[in-house]
């Protein structure tokens, strides 16, 4: 009965799945609904108002407890609204491939959004619809190549280079250790590193690991999706981290934070074990290919999201039975048959 003496409440009103909002004021739910239907040219019969936030229907009892400038959705008969996630669901259900209209609509929705959770959902949505996974060349997806040297003409060529750079870095670290090796073992250590270097050059530094076009040994799907292989001490990633650095520039940059982690540690275990094995070989031949596999191949490397990269002591050792090549037993000569 005192509603007529109260200051009208103000709301921001929109139709279902519309990005256009307008202001409306009223002293009752019925007045706001009537003004909204008039503005949107919708029938009043069967129409109702819901909170954009969570889909709660606005009724007379609830009307005055809603904060001013709350966002409302006007629904006609048969329409439903489950909160702001309905906008996300609508976007995901209507797009077949990214296009400017959809991206612009998502950006408009985000521009007026202040709630952190909704901002996160909208940013993730915008990130998804901006992807151009199928594109491969610079001409097909110029934004992906922003900040990269002009010599990279395809996404695969850059991702291959990215992997090669990591492996080259490991090789440099192994080579630098020679200064710490004793004089009596240093020459053979350098020879082994050179043998590893030749093998890596022949294998193009295992750049195929990141190349979605590679026919073998790649760590991704043909579309370019990489899955985290989990920390060194578990078989899988419980968080199911995944990324496609081929999709857009942001994903390409984020992928640089993923690690090729040595399960048996490079600096703490593998390289010192190699140096010690040379020192203690006592006529035995070092199985340098075993150490090569631990240092530079997926036999001992796991691709992990930064959150799954544990930098603690792995406390793992090289296999003592594979450090040296097996000794070949000399063939016994058969005794000559005596003539009868």
C-alpha atoms as a PDB file:
ATOM      1  CA  UNK A   1       0.000   0.000   0.000  1.00  0.00           C
ATOM      2  CA  UNK A   2       3.030   2.251   0.490  1.00  0.00           C
ATOM      3  CA  UNK A   3       4.540   1.422  -2.918  1.00  0.00           C
ATOM      4  CA  UNK A   4       3.179   4.620  -4.472  1.00  0.00           C
ATOM      5  CA  UNK A   5       5.258   6.677  -2.014  1.00  0.00           C
ATOM      6  CA  UNK A   6       8.487   4.857  -2.764  1.00  0.00           C
ATOM      7  CA  UNK A   7      11.025   5.958  -5.279  1.00  0.00           C
ATOM      8  CA  UNK A   8      10.696   3.836  -8.478  1.00  0.00           C
ATOM      9  CA  UNK A   9      13.206   1.028  -8.777  1.00  0.00           C
ATOM     10  CA  UNK A  10      15.474   1.043 -11.816  1.00  0.00           C
ATOM     11  CA  UNK A  11      16.468  -1.988 -13.854  1.00  0.00           C
ATOM     12  CA  UNK A  12      18.399  -2.898 -16.980  1.00  0.00           C
ATOM     13  CA  UNK A  13      16.144  -4.983 -19.194  1.00  0.00           C
ATOM     14  CA  UNK A  14      16.809  -7.149 -22.214  1.00  0.00           C
ATOM     15  CA  UNK A  15      14.952  -9.703 -24.308  1.00  0.00           C
ATOM     16  CA  UNK A  16      16.047 -13.344 -24.385  1.00  0.00           C
ATOM     17  CA  UNK A  17      19.494 -13.761 -26.021  1.00  0.00           C
ATOM     18  CA  UNK A  18      19.633 -10.079 -26.928  1.00  0.00           C
ATOM     19  CA  UNK A  19      22.782  -8.067 -26.245  1.00  0.00           C
ATOM     20  CA  UNK A  20      20.833  -4.798 -26.299  1.00  0.00           C
ATOM     21  CA  UNK A  21      19.800  -3.503 -22.878  1.00  0.00           C
ATOM     22  CA  UNK A  22      17.664  -0.533 -21.909  1.00  0.00           C
ATOM     23  CA  UNK A  23      16.730   1.164 -18.653  1.00  0.00           C
ATOM     24  CA  UNK A  24      13.293   0.917 -17.138  1.00  0.00           C
ATOM     25  CA  UNK A  25      11.846   2.126 -13.827  1.00  0.00           C
ATOM     26  CA  UNK A  26       8.725   1.162 -11.933  1.00  0.00           C
ATOM     27  CA  UNK A  27       7.095   0.773  -8.541  1.00  0.00           C
ATOM     28  CA  UNK A  28       5.889  -2.765  -9.140  1.00  0.00           C
ATOM     29  CA  UNK A  29       6.782  -5.895 -11.025  1.00  0.00           C
ATOM     30  CA  UNK A  30       3.689  -5.431 -13.195  1.00  0.00           C
ATOM     31  CA  UNK A  31       4.664  -1.875 -14.132  1.00  0.00           C
ATOM     32  CA  UNK A  32       8.199  -2.889 -15.154  1.00  0.00           C
ATOM     33  CA  UNK A  33       6.852  -5.844 -17.139  1.00  0.00           C
ATOM     34  CA  UNK A  34       4.289  -3.661 -18.902  1.00  0.00           C
ATOM     35  CA  UNK A  35       6.884  -1.023 -19.840  1.00  0.00           C
ATOM     36  CA  UNK A  36       9.305  -3.694 -21.011  1.00  0.00           C
ATOM     37  CA  UNK A  37       6.743  -5.418 -23.238  1.00  0.00           C
ATOM     38  CA  UNK A  38       5.752  -2.050 -24.691  1.00  0.00           C
ATOM     39  CA  UNK A  39       9.353  -1.156 -25.490  1.00  0.00           C
ATOM     40  CA  UNK A  40      10.141  -4.567 -27.008  1.00  0.00           C
ATOM     41  CA  UNK A  41       6.733  -4.874 -28.648  1.00  0.00           C
ATOM     42  CA  UNK A  42       6.019  -8.181 -26.940  1.00  0.00           C
ATOM     43  CA  UNK A  43       2.660  -9.489 -25.644  1.00  0.00           C
ATOM     44  CA  UNK A  44       2.070  -8.973 -21.931  1.00  0.00           C
ATOM     45  CA  UNK A  45       0.007 -12.167 -21.607  1.00  0.00           C
ATOM     46  CA  UNK A  46       2.243 -15.037 -20.488  1.00  0.00           C
ATOM     47  CA  UNK A  47       5.333 -12.822 -20.164  1.00  0.00           C
ATOM     48  CA  UNK A  48       7.438 -12.616 -17.022  1.00  0.00           C
ATOM     49  CA  UNK A  49      10.682 -11.154 -15.669  1.00  0.00           C
ATOM     50  CA  UNK A  50      13.732 -13.085 -14.447  1.00  0.00           C
ATOM     51  CA  UNK A  51      17.049 -12.056 -12.964  1.00  0.00           C
ATOM     52  CA  UNK A  52      19.835 -12.322 -15.520  1.00  0.00           C
ATOM     53  CA  UNK A  53      22.185 -13.544 -12.779  1.00  0.00           C
ATOM     54  CA  UNK A  54      20.538 -16.827 -11.870  1.00  0.00           C
ATOM     55  CA  UNK A  55      17.133 -17.014 -13.587  1.00  0.00           C
ATOM     56  CA  UNK A  56      15.054 -16.311 -10.454  1.00  0.00           C
ATOM     57  CA  UNK A  57      11.599 -15.094 -11.459  1.00  0.00           C
ATOM     58  CA  UNK A  58      10.806 -11.559 -10.273  1.00  0.00           C
ATOM     59  CA  UNK A  59       7.548 -11.460  -8.324  1.00  0.00           C
ATOM     60  CA  UNK A  60       5.741  -8.819  -6.283  1.00  0.00           C
ATOM     61  CA  UNK A  61       7.023 -10.216  -2.987  1.00  0.00           C
ATOM     62  CA  UNK A  62      10.606 -10.190  -4.228  1.00  0.00           C
ATOM     63  CA  UNK A  63      10.436  -6.929  -6.156  1.00  0.00           C
ATOM     64  CA  UNK A  64      11.609  -4.447  -3.492  1.00  0.00           C
ATOM     65  CA  UNK A  65      14.459  -6.607  -2.203  1.00  0.00           C
ATOM     66  CA  UNK A  66      16.218  -6.654  -5.601  1.00  0.00           C
ATOM     67  CA  UNK A  67      19.040  -4.054  -5.810  1.00  0.00           C
ATOM     68  CA  UNK A  68      18.626  -1.093  -8.142  1.00  0.00           C
ATOM     69  CA  UNK A  69      20.106  -1.462 -11.621  1.00  0.00           C
ATOM     70  CA  UNK A  70      19.822  -5.231 -11.476  1.00  0.00           C
ATOM     71  CA  UNK A  71      19.763  -6.886 -14.878  1.00  0.00           C
ATOM     72  CA  UNK A  72      16.517  -8.547 -15.950  1.00  0.00           C
ATOM     73  CA  UNK A  73      15.503 -10.772 -18.844  1.00  0.00           C
ATOM     74  CA  UNK A  74      11.989 -10.468 -20.237  1.00  0.00           C
ATOM     75  CA  UNK A  75      10.618 -13.868 -21.196  1.00  0.00           C
ATOM     76  CA  UNK A  76       7.511 -14.539 -23.266  1.00  0.00           C
ATOM     77  CA  UNK A  77       5.324 -17.626 -22.989  1.00  0.00           C
ATOM     78  CA  UNK A  78       7.361 -20.827 -23.399  1.00  0.00           C
ATOM     79  CA  UNK A  79      10.764 -19.188 -23.000  1.00  0.00           C
ATOM     80  CA  UNK A  80      13.143 -20.186 -20.198  1.00  0.00           C
ATOM     81  CA  UNK A  81      16.226 -18.638 -18.607  1.00  0.00           C
ATOM     82  CA  UNK A  82      18.684 -20.377 -16.256  1.00  0.00           C
ATOM     83  CA  UNK A  83      20.996 -17.485 -15.554  1.00  0.00           C
ATOM     84  CA  UNK A  84      23.947 -16.007 -17.420  1.00  0.00           C
ATOM     85  CA  UNK A  85      25.183 -19.494 -18.334  1.00  0.00           C
ATOM     86  CA  UNK A  86      22.260 -19.605 -20.756  1.00  0.00           C
ATOM     87  CA  UNK A  87      24.067 -16.994 -22.855  1.00  0.00           C
ATOM     88  CA  UNK A  88      27.121 -19.227 -22.937  1.00  0.00           C
ATOM     89  CA  UNK A  89      25.007 -22.250 -23.912  1.00  0.00           C
ATOM     90  CA  UNK A  90      23.289 -20.235 -26.613  1.00  0.00           C
ATOM     91  CA  UNK A  91      26.602 -19.135 -28.102  1.00  0.00           C
ATOM     92  CA  UNK A  92      27.971 -22.656 -28.094  1.00  0.00           C
ATOM     93  CA  UNK A  93      24.832 -24.066 -29.704  1.00  0.00           C
ATOM     94  CA  UNK A  94      24.639 -21.625 -32.605  1.00  0.00           C
ATOM     95  CA  UNK A  95      28.171 -21.394 -33.927  1.00  0.00           C
ATOM     96  CA  UNK A  96      29.565 -23.828 -36.426  1.00  0.00           C
ATOM     97  CA  UNK A  97      32.785 -21.951 -37.059  1.00  0.00           C
ATOM     98  CA  UNK A  98      34.157 -18.643 -35.763  1.00  0.00           C
ATOM     99  CA  UNK A  99      32.737 -15.556 -37.429  1.00  0.00           C
ATOM    100  CA  UNK A 100      32.918 -11.846 -36.728  1.00  0.00           C
ATOM    101  CA  UNK A 101      29.294 -11.502 -35.597  1.00  0.00           C
ATOM    102  CA  UNK A 102      29.636 -14.069 -32.846  1.00  0.00           C
ATOM    103  CA  UNK A 103      32.982 -12.727 -31.647  1.00  0.00           C
ATOM    104  CA  UNK A 104      31.621  -9.180 -31.573  1.00  0.00           C
ATOM    105  CA  UNK A 105      28.561 -10.300 -29.595  1.00  0.00           C
ATOM    106  CA  UNK A 106      30.766 -12.013 -27.008  1.00  0.00           C
ATOM    107  CA  UNK A 107      32.917  -8.905 -26.691  1.00  0.00           C
ATOM    108  CA  UNK A 108      29.862  -6.704 -26.176  1.00  0.00           C
ATOM    109  CA  UNK A 109      28.608  -9.014 -23.476  1.00  0.00           C
ATOM    110  CA  UNK A 110      32.000  -8.931 -21.769  1.00  0.00           C
ATOM    111  CA  UNK A 111      32.398  -5.143 -21.971  1.00  0.00           C
ATOM    112  CA  UNK A 112      29.642  -4.493 -19.446  1.00  0.00           C
ATOM    113  CA  UNK A 113      30.442  -7.408 -17.156  1.00  0.00           C
ATOM    114  CA  UNK A 114      31.966  -6.896 -13.709  1.00  0.00           C
ATOM    115  CA  UNK A 115      31.421 -10.210 -11.872  1.00  0.00           C
ATOM    116  CA  UNK A 116      34.731 -12.163 -11.898  1.00  0.00           C
ATOM    117  CA  UNK A 117      33.146 -15.563 -12.547  1.00  0.00           C
ATOM    118  CA  UNK A 118      31.102 -14.328 -15.490  1.00  0.00           C
ATOM    119  CA  UNK A 119      34.134 -12.467 -16.821  1.00  0.00           C
ATOM    120  CA  UNK A 120      36.113 -15.717 -16.720  1.00  0.00           C
ATOM    121  CA  UNK A 121      33.386 -17.650 -18.551  1.00  0.00           C
ATOM    122  CA  UNK A 122      33.043 -14.977 -21.204  1.00  0.00           C
ATOM    123  CA  UNK A 123      36.799 -14.668 -21.714  1.00  0.00           C
ATOM    124  CA  UNK A 124      37.031 -18.453 -22.116  1.00  0.00           C
ATOM    125  CA  UNK A 125      34.159 -18.329 -24.592  1.00  0.00           C
ATOM    126  CA  UNK A 126      35.768 -15.516 -26.563  1.00  0.00           C
ATOM    127  CA  UNK A 127      39.049 -17.413 -26.508  1.00  0.00           C
ATOM    128  CA  UNK A 128      37.295 -20.482 -27.915  1.00  0.00           C
ATOM    129  CA  UNK A 129      35.357 -18.795 -30.699  1.00  0.00           C
ATOM    130  CA  UNK A 130      38.455 -16.857 -31.782  1.00  0.00           C
ATOM    131  CA  UNK A 131      40.310 -20.065 -32.559  1.00  0.00           C
ATOM    132  CA  UNK A 132      41.355 -20.813 -36.112  1.00  0.00           C
ATOM    133  CA  UNK A 133      42.682 -24.321 -35.670  1.00  0.00           C
ATOM    134  CA  UNK A 134      42.393 -25.501 -39.251  1.00  0.00           C
ATOM    135  CA  UNK A 135      44.420 -22.578 -40.649  1.00  0.00           C
ATOM    136  CA  UNK A 136      48.083 -23.410 -41.188  1.00  0.00           C
ATOM    137  CA  UNK A 137      49.776 -20.619 -43.148  1.00  0.00           C
ATOM    138  CA  UNK A 138      50.562 -17.019 -42.299  1.00  0.00           C
ATOM    139  CA  UNK A 139      48.146 -15.886 -45.023  1.00  0.00           C
ATOM    140  CA  UNK A 140      45.309 -17.935 -43.507  1.00  0.00           C
ATOM    141  CA  UNK A 141      45.749 -16.716 -39.911  1.00  0.00           C
ATOM    142  CA  UNK A 142      47.880 -13.519 -39.700  1.00  0.00           C
ATOM    143  CA  UNK A 143      47.112 -12.794 -35.975  1.00  0.00           C
ATOM    144  CA  UNK A 144      48.649 -16.138 -34.958  1.00  0.00           C
ATOM    145  CA  UNK A 145      52.041 -15.041 -36.336  1.00  0.00           C
ATOM    146  CA  UNK A 146      52.164 -11.656 -34.596  1.00  0.00           C
ATOM    147  CA  UNK A 147      55.596 -11.170 -33.027  1.00  0.00           C
ATOM    148  CA  UNK A 148      57.237 -14.005 -34.980  1.00  0.00           C
ATOM    149  CA  UNK A 149      60.000 -13.670 -37.561  1.00  0.00           C
ATOM    150  CA  UNK A 150      58.871 -13.557 -41.183  1.00  0.00           C
ATOM    151  CA  UNK A 151      60.788 -16.747 -41.969  1.00  0.00           C
ATOM    152  CA  UNK A 152      58.033 -18.766 -40.280  1.00  0.00           C
ATOM    153  CA  UNK A 153      55.443 -19.268 -43.008  1.00  0.00           C
ATOM    154  CA  UNK A 154      53.402 -22.008 -41.331  1.00  0.00           C
ATOM    155  CA  UNK A 155      52.304 -22.870 -37.815  1.00  0.00           C
ATOM    156  CA  UNK A 156      53.894 -26.303 -38.002  1.00  0.00           C
ATOM    157  CA  UNK A 157      57.255 -24.842 -38.985  1.00  0.00           C
ATOM    158  CA  UNK A 158      57.256 -22.580 -35.929  1.00  0.00           C
ATOM    159  CA  UNK A 159      56.113 -25.309 -33.495  1.00  0.00           C
ATOM    160  CA  UNK A 160      58.752 -27.661 -34.927  1.00  0.00           C
ATOM    161  CA  UNK A 161      61.366 -24.930 -34.399  1.00  0.00           C
ATOM    162  CA  UNK A 162      60.099 -24.429 -30.839  1.00  0.00           C
ATOM    163  CA  UNK A 163      60.666 -28.101 -30.024  1.00  0.00           C
ATOM    164  CA  UNK A 164      64.049 -28.155 -31.746  1.00  0.00           C
ATOM    165  CA  UNK A 165      65.126 -25.153 -29.664  1.00  0.00           C
ATOM    166  CA  UNK A 166      64.322 -26.983 -26.444  1.00  0.00           C
ATOM    167  CA  UNK A 167      66.277 -30.060 -27.500  1.00  0.00           C
ATOM    168  CA  UNK A 168      69.227 -27.931 -28.659  1.00  0.00           C
ATOM    169  CA  UNK A 169      69.206 -26.319 -25.234  1.00  0.00           C
ATOM    170  CA  UNK A 170      69.463 -29.723 -23.563  1.00  0.00           C
ATOM    171  CA  UNK A 171      72.395 -30.609 -25.845  1.00  0.00           C
ATOM    172  CA  UNK A 172      74.205 -27.403 -24.893  1.00  0.00           C
ATOM    173  CA  UNK A 173      73.765 -28.203 -21.197  1.00  0.00           C
ATOM    174  CA  UNK A 174      75.176 -31.698 -21.683  1.00  0.00           C
ATOM    175  CA  UNK A 175      78.132 -30.330 -23.650  1.00  0.00           C
ATOM    176  CA  UNK A 176      78.864 -27.651 -21.058  1.00  0.00           C
ATOM    177  CA  UNK A 177      79.296 -30.346 -18.403  1.00  0.00           C
ATOM    178  CA  UNK A 178      82.527 -31.486 -20.068  1.00  0.00           C
ATOM    179  CA  UNK A 179      84.423 -28.806 -18.144  1.00  0.00           C
ATOM    180  CA  UNK A 180      83.518 -30.633 -14.922  1.00  0.00           C
ATOM    181  CA  UNK A 181      84.684 -34.029 -16.147  1.00  0.00           C
ATOM    182  CA  UNK A 182      88.123 -35.221 -15.104  1.00  0.00           C
ATOM    183  CA  UNK A 183      90.960 -35.028 -17.613  1.00  0.00           C
ATOM    184  CA  UNK A 184      91.173 -38.803 -17.961  1.00  0.00           C
ATOM    185  CA  UNK A 185      87.504 -39.043 -19.045  1.00  0.00           C
ATOM    186  CA  UNK A 186      86.995 -35.717 -20.801  1.00  0.00           C
ATOM    187  CA  UNK A 187      88.057 -36.806 -24.284  1.00  0.00           C
ATOM    188  CA  UNK A 188      85.629 -39.717 -24.413  1.00  0.00           C
ATOM    189  CA  UNK A 189      82.870 -37.579 -22.870  1.00  0.00           C
ATOM    190  CA  UNK A 190      83.268 -35.048 -25.687  1.00  0.00           C
ATOM    191  CA  UNK A 191      83.246 -37.846 -28.276  1.00  0.00           C
ATOM    192  CA  UNK A 192      79.976 -39.201 -26.863  1.00  0.00           C
ATOM    193  CA  UNK A 193      78.390 -35.749 -26.908  1.00  0.00           C
ATOM    194  CA  UNK A 194      79.467 -35.377 -30.539  1.00  0.00           C
ATOM    195  CA  UNK A 195      77.868 -38.742 -31.366  1.00  0.00           C
ATOM    196  CA  UNK A 196      74.637 -37.575 -29.717  1.00  0.00           C
ATOM    197  CA  UNK A 197      74.815 -34.320 -31.672  1.00  0.00           C
ATOM    198  CA  UNK A 198      75.133 -36.184 -34.968  1.00  0.00           C
ATOM    199  CA  UNK A 199      72.143 -38.355 -34.076  1.00  0.00           C
ATOM    200  CA  UNK A 200      70.071 -35.294 -33.187  1.00  0.00           C
ATOM    201  CA  UNK A 201      70.950 -33.566 -36.445  1.00  0.00           C
ATOM    202  CA  UNK A 202      69.880 -36.673 -38.331  1.00  0.00           C
ATOM    203  CA  UNK A 203      66.585 -36.637 -36.382  1.00  0.00           C
ATOM    204  CA  UNK A 204      66.104 -32.866 -36.905  1.00  0.00           C
ATOM    205  CA  UNK A 205      66.385 -32.457 -33.137  1.00  0.00           C
ATOM    206  CA  UNK A 206      63.111 -34.368 -32.688  1.00  0.00           C
ATOM    207  CA  UNK A 207      61.136 -31.314 -33.812  1.00  0.00           C
ATOM    208  CA  UNK A 208      58.416 -33.678 -35.006  1.00  0.00           C
ATOM    209  CA  UNK A 209      57.208 -33.951 -31.396  1.00  0.00           C
ATOM    210  CA  UNK A 210      55.392 -30.600 -31.782  1.00  0.00           C
ATOM    211  CA  UNK A 211      54.580 -30.866 -35.505  1.00  0.00           C
ATOM    212  CA  UNK A 212      50.968 -31.864 -36.095  1.00  0.00           C
ATOM    213  CA  UNK A 213      51.825 -32.688 -39.687  1.00  0.00           C
ATOM    214  CA  UNK A 214      54.448 -35.270 -38.727  1.00  0.00           C
ATOM    215  CA  UNK A 215      53.536 -38.820 -39.643  1.00  0.00           C
ATOM    216  CA  UNK A 216      55.238 -40.347 -36.607  1.00  0.00           C
ATOM    217  CA  UNK A 217      56.473 -39.495 -33.117  1.00  0.00           C
ATOM    218  CA  UNK A 218      54.325 -36.371 -32.690  1.00  0.00           C
ATOM    219  CA  UNK A 219      52.963 -35.708 -29.211  1.00  0.00           C
ATOM    220  CA  UNK A 220      49.703 -34.180 -30.445  1.00  0.00           C
ATOM    221  CA  UNK A 221      46.625 -35.088 -32.458  1.00  0.00           C
ATOM    222  CA  UNK A 222      46.494 -34.346 -36.197  1.00  0.00           C
ATOM    223  CA  UNK A 223      44.560 -31.176 -35.254  1.00  0.00           C
ATOM    224  CA  UNK A 224      47.315 -30.050 -32.886  1.00  0.00           C
ATOM    225  CA  UNK A 225      45.841 -30.874 -29.459  1.00  0.00           C
ATOM    226  CA  UNK A 226      48.397 -31.654 -26.754  1.00  0.00           C
ATOM    227  CA  UNK A 227      47.474 -33.363 -23.489  1.00  0.00           C
ATOM    228  CA  UNK A 228      49.473 -33.045 -20.298  1.00  0.00           C
ATOM    229  CA  UNK A 229      51.142 -36.354 -19.446  1.00  0.00           C
ATOM    230  CA  UNK A 230      51.130 -35.613 -15.725  1.00  0.00           C
ATOM    231  CA  UNK A 231      53.934 -35.173 -13.170  1.00  0.00           C
ATOM    232  CA  UNK A 232      56.960 -37.452 -13.301  1.00  0.00           C
ATOM    233  CA  UNK A 233      55.659 -39.679 -10.507  1.00  0.00           C
ATOM    234  CA  UNK A 234      52.173 -40.445 -11.890  1.00  0.00           C
ATOM    235  CA  UNK A 235      50.910 -42.099 -15.052  1.00  0.00           C
ATOM    236  CA  UNK A 236      48.447 -39.408 -16.111  1.00  0.00           C
ATOM    237  CA  UNK A 237      47.329 -35.823 -15.526  1.00  0.00           C
ATOM    238  CA  UNK A 238      44.454 -35.805 -13.043  1.00  0.00           C
ATOM    239  CA  UNK A 239      43.552 -32.234 -14.065  1.00  0.00           C
ATOM    240  CA  UNK A 240      43.271 -33.256 -17.731  1.00  0.00           C
ATOM    241  CA  UNK A 241      45.225 -30.214 -18.914  1.00  0.00           C
ATOM    242  CA  UNK A 242      45.135 -29.765 -22.674  1.00  0.00           C
ATOM    243  CA  UNK A 243      46.050 -27.055 -25.156  1.00  0.00           C
ATOM    244  CA  UNK A 244      46.133 -26.425 -28.871  1.00  0.00           C
ATOM    245  CA  UNK A 245      48.936 -23.967 -29.690  1.00  0.00           C
ATOM    246  CA  UNK A 246      47.800 -24.038 -33.328  1.00  0.00           C
ATOM    247  CA  UNK A 247      44.465 -22.411 -32.434  1.00  0.00           C
ATOM    248  CA  UNK A 248      45.374 -18.780 -31.713  1.00  0.00           C
ATOM    249  CA  UNK A 249      48.225 -16.543 -30.656  1.00  0.00           C
ATOM    250  CA  UNK A 250      47.395 -16.686 -26.940  1.00  0.00           C
ATOM    251  CA  UNK A 251      47.510 -20.487 -26.926  1.00  0.00           C
ATOM    252  CA  UNK A 252      50.791 -20.406 -28.826  1.00  0.00           C
ATOM    253  CA  UNK A 253      52.310 -18.155 -26.169  1.00  0.00           C
ATOM    254  CA  UNK A 254      50.867 -20.192 -23.292  1.00  0.00           C
ATOM    255  CA  UNK A 255      52.257 -23.402 -24.769  1.00  0.00           C
ATOM    256  CA  UNK A 256      55.767 -22.038 -24.231  1.00  0.00           C
ATOM    257  CA  UNK A 257      55.161 -22.456 -20.478  1.00  0.00           C
ATOM    258  CA  UNK A 258      54.595 -26.207 -20.884  1.00  0.00           C
ATOM    259  CA  UNK A 259      57.670 -28.294 -20.131  1.00  0.00           C
ATOM    260  CA  UNK A 260      59.390 -31.322 -21.594  1.00  0.00           C
ATOM    261  CA  UNK A 261      60.237 -32.726 -18.194  1.00  0.00           C
ATOM    262  CA  UNK A 262      62.953 -35.361 -17.690  1.00  0.00           C
ATOM    263  CA  UNK A 263      61.511 -38.176 -15.570  1.00  0.00           C
ATOM    264  CA  UNK A 264      65.046 -39.246 -14.635  1.00  0.00           C
ATOM    265  CA  UNK A 265      66.596 -35.847 -14.105  1.00  0.00           C
ATOM    266  CA  UNK A 266      69.081 -34.449 -16.597  1.00  0.00           C
ATOM    267  CA  UNK A 267      71.423 -32.346 -14.443  1.00  0.00           C
ATOM    268  CA  UNK A 268      71.015 -34.192 -11.167  1.00  0.00           C
ATOM    269  CA  UNK A 269      71.245 -37.760 -12.448  1.00  0.00           C
ATOM    270  CA  UNK A 270      71.765 -38.542 -16.143  1.00  0.00           C
ATOM    271  CA  UNK A 271      74.773 -36.354 -16.972  1.00  0.00           C
ATOM    272  CA  UNK A 272      76.716 -37.107 -13.742  1.00  0.00           C
ATOM    273  CA  UNK A 273      76.020 -40.821 -14.228  1.00  0.00           C
ATOM    274  CA  UNK A 274      77.406 -40.645 -17.766  1.00  0.00           C
ATOM    275  CA  UNK A 275      80.568 -38.887 -16.584  1.00  0.00           C
ATOM    276  CA  UNK A 276      81.067 -41.366 -13.762  1.00  0.00           C
ATOM    277  CA  UNK A 277      80.475 -44.319 -16.100  1.00  0.00           C
ATOM    278  CA  UNK A 278      83.256 -43.114 -18.399  1.00  0.00           C
ATOM    279  CA  UNK A 279      85.582 -42.777 -15.439  1.00  0.00           C
ATOM    280  CA  UNK A 280      84.768 -46.266 -14.128  1.00  0.00           C
ATOM    281  CA  UNK A 281      84.310 -48.136 -17.397  1.00  0.00           C
ATOM    282  CA  UNK A 282      87.410 -50.323 -16.999  1.00  0.00           C
ATOM    283  CA  UNK A 283      87.435 -51.549 -20.592  1.00  0.00           C
ATOM    284  CA  UNK A 284      83.650 -51.655 -20.947  1.00  0.00           C
ATOM    285  CA  UNK A 285      81.895 -49.705 -23.709  1.00  0.00           C
ATOM    286  CA  UNK A 286      79.452 -46.948 -22.745  1.00  0.00           C
ATOM    287  CA  UNK A 287      75.979 -47.426 -24.203  1.00  0.00           C
ATOM    288  CA  UNK A 288      75.691 -43.799 -25.266  1.00  0.00           C
ATOM    289  CA  UNK A 289      72.421 -44.489 -27.120  1.00  0.00           C
ATOM    290  CA  UNK A 290      70.800 -45.310 -23.765  1.00  0.00           C
ATOM    291  CA  UNK A 291      71.882 -41.927 -22.392  1.00  0.00           C
ATOM    292  CA  UNK A 292      70.752 -40.284 -25.626  1.00  0.00           C
ATOM    293  CA  UNK A 293      67.273 -41.734 -25.175  1.00  0.00           C
ATOM    294  CA  UNK A 294      67.086 -40.421 -21.610  1.00  0.00           C
ATOM    295  CA  UNK A 295      68.266 -36.945 -22.514  1.00  0.00           C
ATOM    296  CA  UNK A 296      66.498 -36.240 -25.803  1.00  0.00           C
ATOM    297  CA  UNK A 297      63.584 -38.583 -26.490  1.00  0.00           C
ATOM    298  CA  UNK A 298      60.083 -39.267 -25.250  1.00  0.00           C
ATOM    299  CA  UNK A 299      61.385 -42.423 -23.580  1.00  0.00           C
ATOM    300  CA  UNK A 300      62.268 -40.185 -20.638  1.00  0.00           C
ATOM    301  CA  UNK A 301      60.591 -36.863 -21.534  1.00  0.00           C
ATOM    302  CA  UNK A 302      57.047 -36.032 -20.463  1.00  0.00           C
ATOM    303  CA  UNK A 303      55.128 -33.036 -21.809  1.00  0.00           C
ATOM    304  CA  UNK A 304      53.582 -31.347 -18.777  1.00  0.00           C
ATOM    305  CA  UNK A 305      51.503 -28.285 -17.949  1.00  0.00           C
ATOM    306  CA  UNK A 306      53.392 -25.851 -15.732  1.00  0.00           C
ATOM    307  CA  UNK A 307      51.190 -26.818 -12.758  1.00  0.00           C
ATOM    308  CA  UNK A 308      52.234 -30.466 -13.192  1.00  0.00           C
ATOM    309  CA  UNK A 309      55.947 -29.680 -13.405  1.00  0.00           C
ATOM    310  CA  UNK A 310      57.341 -30.779 -10.047  1.00  0.00           C
ATOM    311  CA  UNK A 311      60.775 -29.307  -9.413  1.00  0.00           C
ATOM    312  CA  UNK A 312      61.549 -31.487  -6.413  1.00  0.00           C
ATOM    313  CA  UNK A 313      64.222 -34.180  -6.401  1.00  0.00           C
ATOM    314  CA  UNK A 314      62.833 -37.059  -8.465  1.00  0.00           C
ATOM    315  CA  UNK A 315      65.103 -39.550  -6.666  1.00  0.00           C
ATOM    316  CA  UNK A 316      65.294 -41.794  -9.724  1.00  0.00           C
ATOM    317  CA  UNK A 317      68.421 -43.481 -11.087  1.00  0.00           C
ATOM    318  CA  UNK A 318      69.630 -44.675 -14.449  1.00  0.00           C
ATOM    319  CA  UNK A 319      69.255 -48.382 -15.135  1.00  0.00           C
ATOM    320  CA  UNK A 320      72.617 -49.934 -14.088  1.00  0.00           C
ATOM    321  CA  UNK A 321      72.112 -52.744 -16.583  1.00  0.00           C
ATOM    322  CA  UNK A 322      71.984 -50.325 -19.524  1.00  0.00           C
ATOM    323  CA  UNK A 323      74.906 -48.027 -18.762  1.00  0.00           C
ATOM    324  CA  UNK A 324      77.398 -50.279 -20.531  1.00  0.00           C
ATOM    325  CA  UNK A 325      76.889 -52.353 -23.625  1.00  0.00           C
ATOM    326  CA  UNK A 326      76.662 -56.077 -22.923  1.00  0.00           C
ATOM    327  CA  UNK A 327      79.943 -57.885 -23.270  1.00  0.00           C
ATOM    328  CA  UNK A 328      80.002 -60.111 -26.309  1.00  0.00           C
ATOM    329  CA  UNK A 329      81.233 -63.537 -25.480  1.00  0.00           C
ATOM    330  CA  UNK A 330      83.857 -64.866 -27.910  1.00  0.00           C
ATOM    331  CA  UNK A 331      82.650 -67.782 -29.924  1.00  0.00           C
ATOM    332  CA  UNK A 332      84.212 -71.063 -28.931  1.00  0.00           C
ATOM    333  CA  UNK A 333      85.954 -72.893 -31.669  1.00  0.00           C
ATOM    334  CA  UNK A 334      84.670 -76.354 -32.199  1.00  0.00           C
ATOM    335  CA  UNK A 335      87.357 -78.963 -31.786  1.00  0.00           C
ATOM    336  CA  UNK A 336      88.482 -80.502 -35.075  1.00  0.00           C
ATOM    337  CA  UNK A 337      87.032 -83.893 -35.712  1.00  0.00           C
ATOM    338  CA  UNK A 338      89.561 -86.641 -35.517  1.00  0.00           C
ATOM    339  CA  UNK A 339      89.856 -88.867 -38.503  1.00  0.00           C
ATOM    340  CA  UNK A 340      89.073 -92.508 -37.746  1.00  0.00           C
END
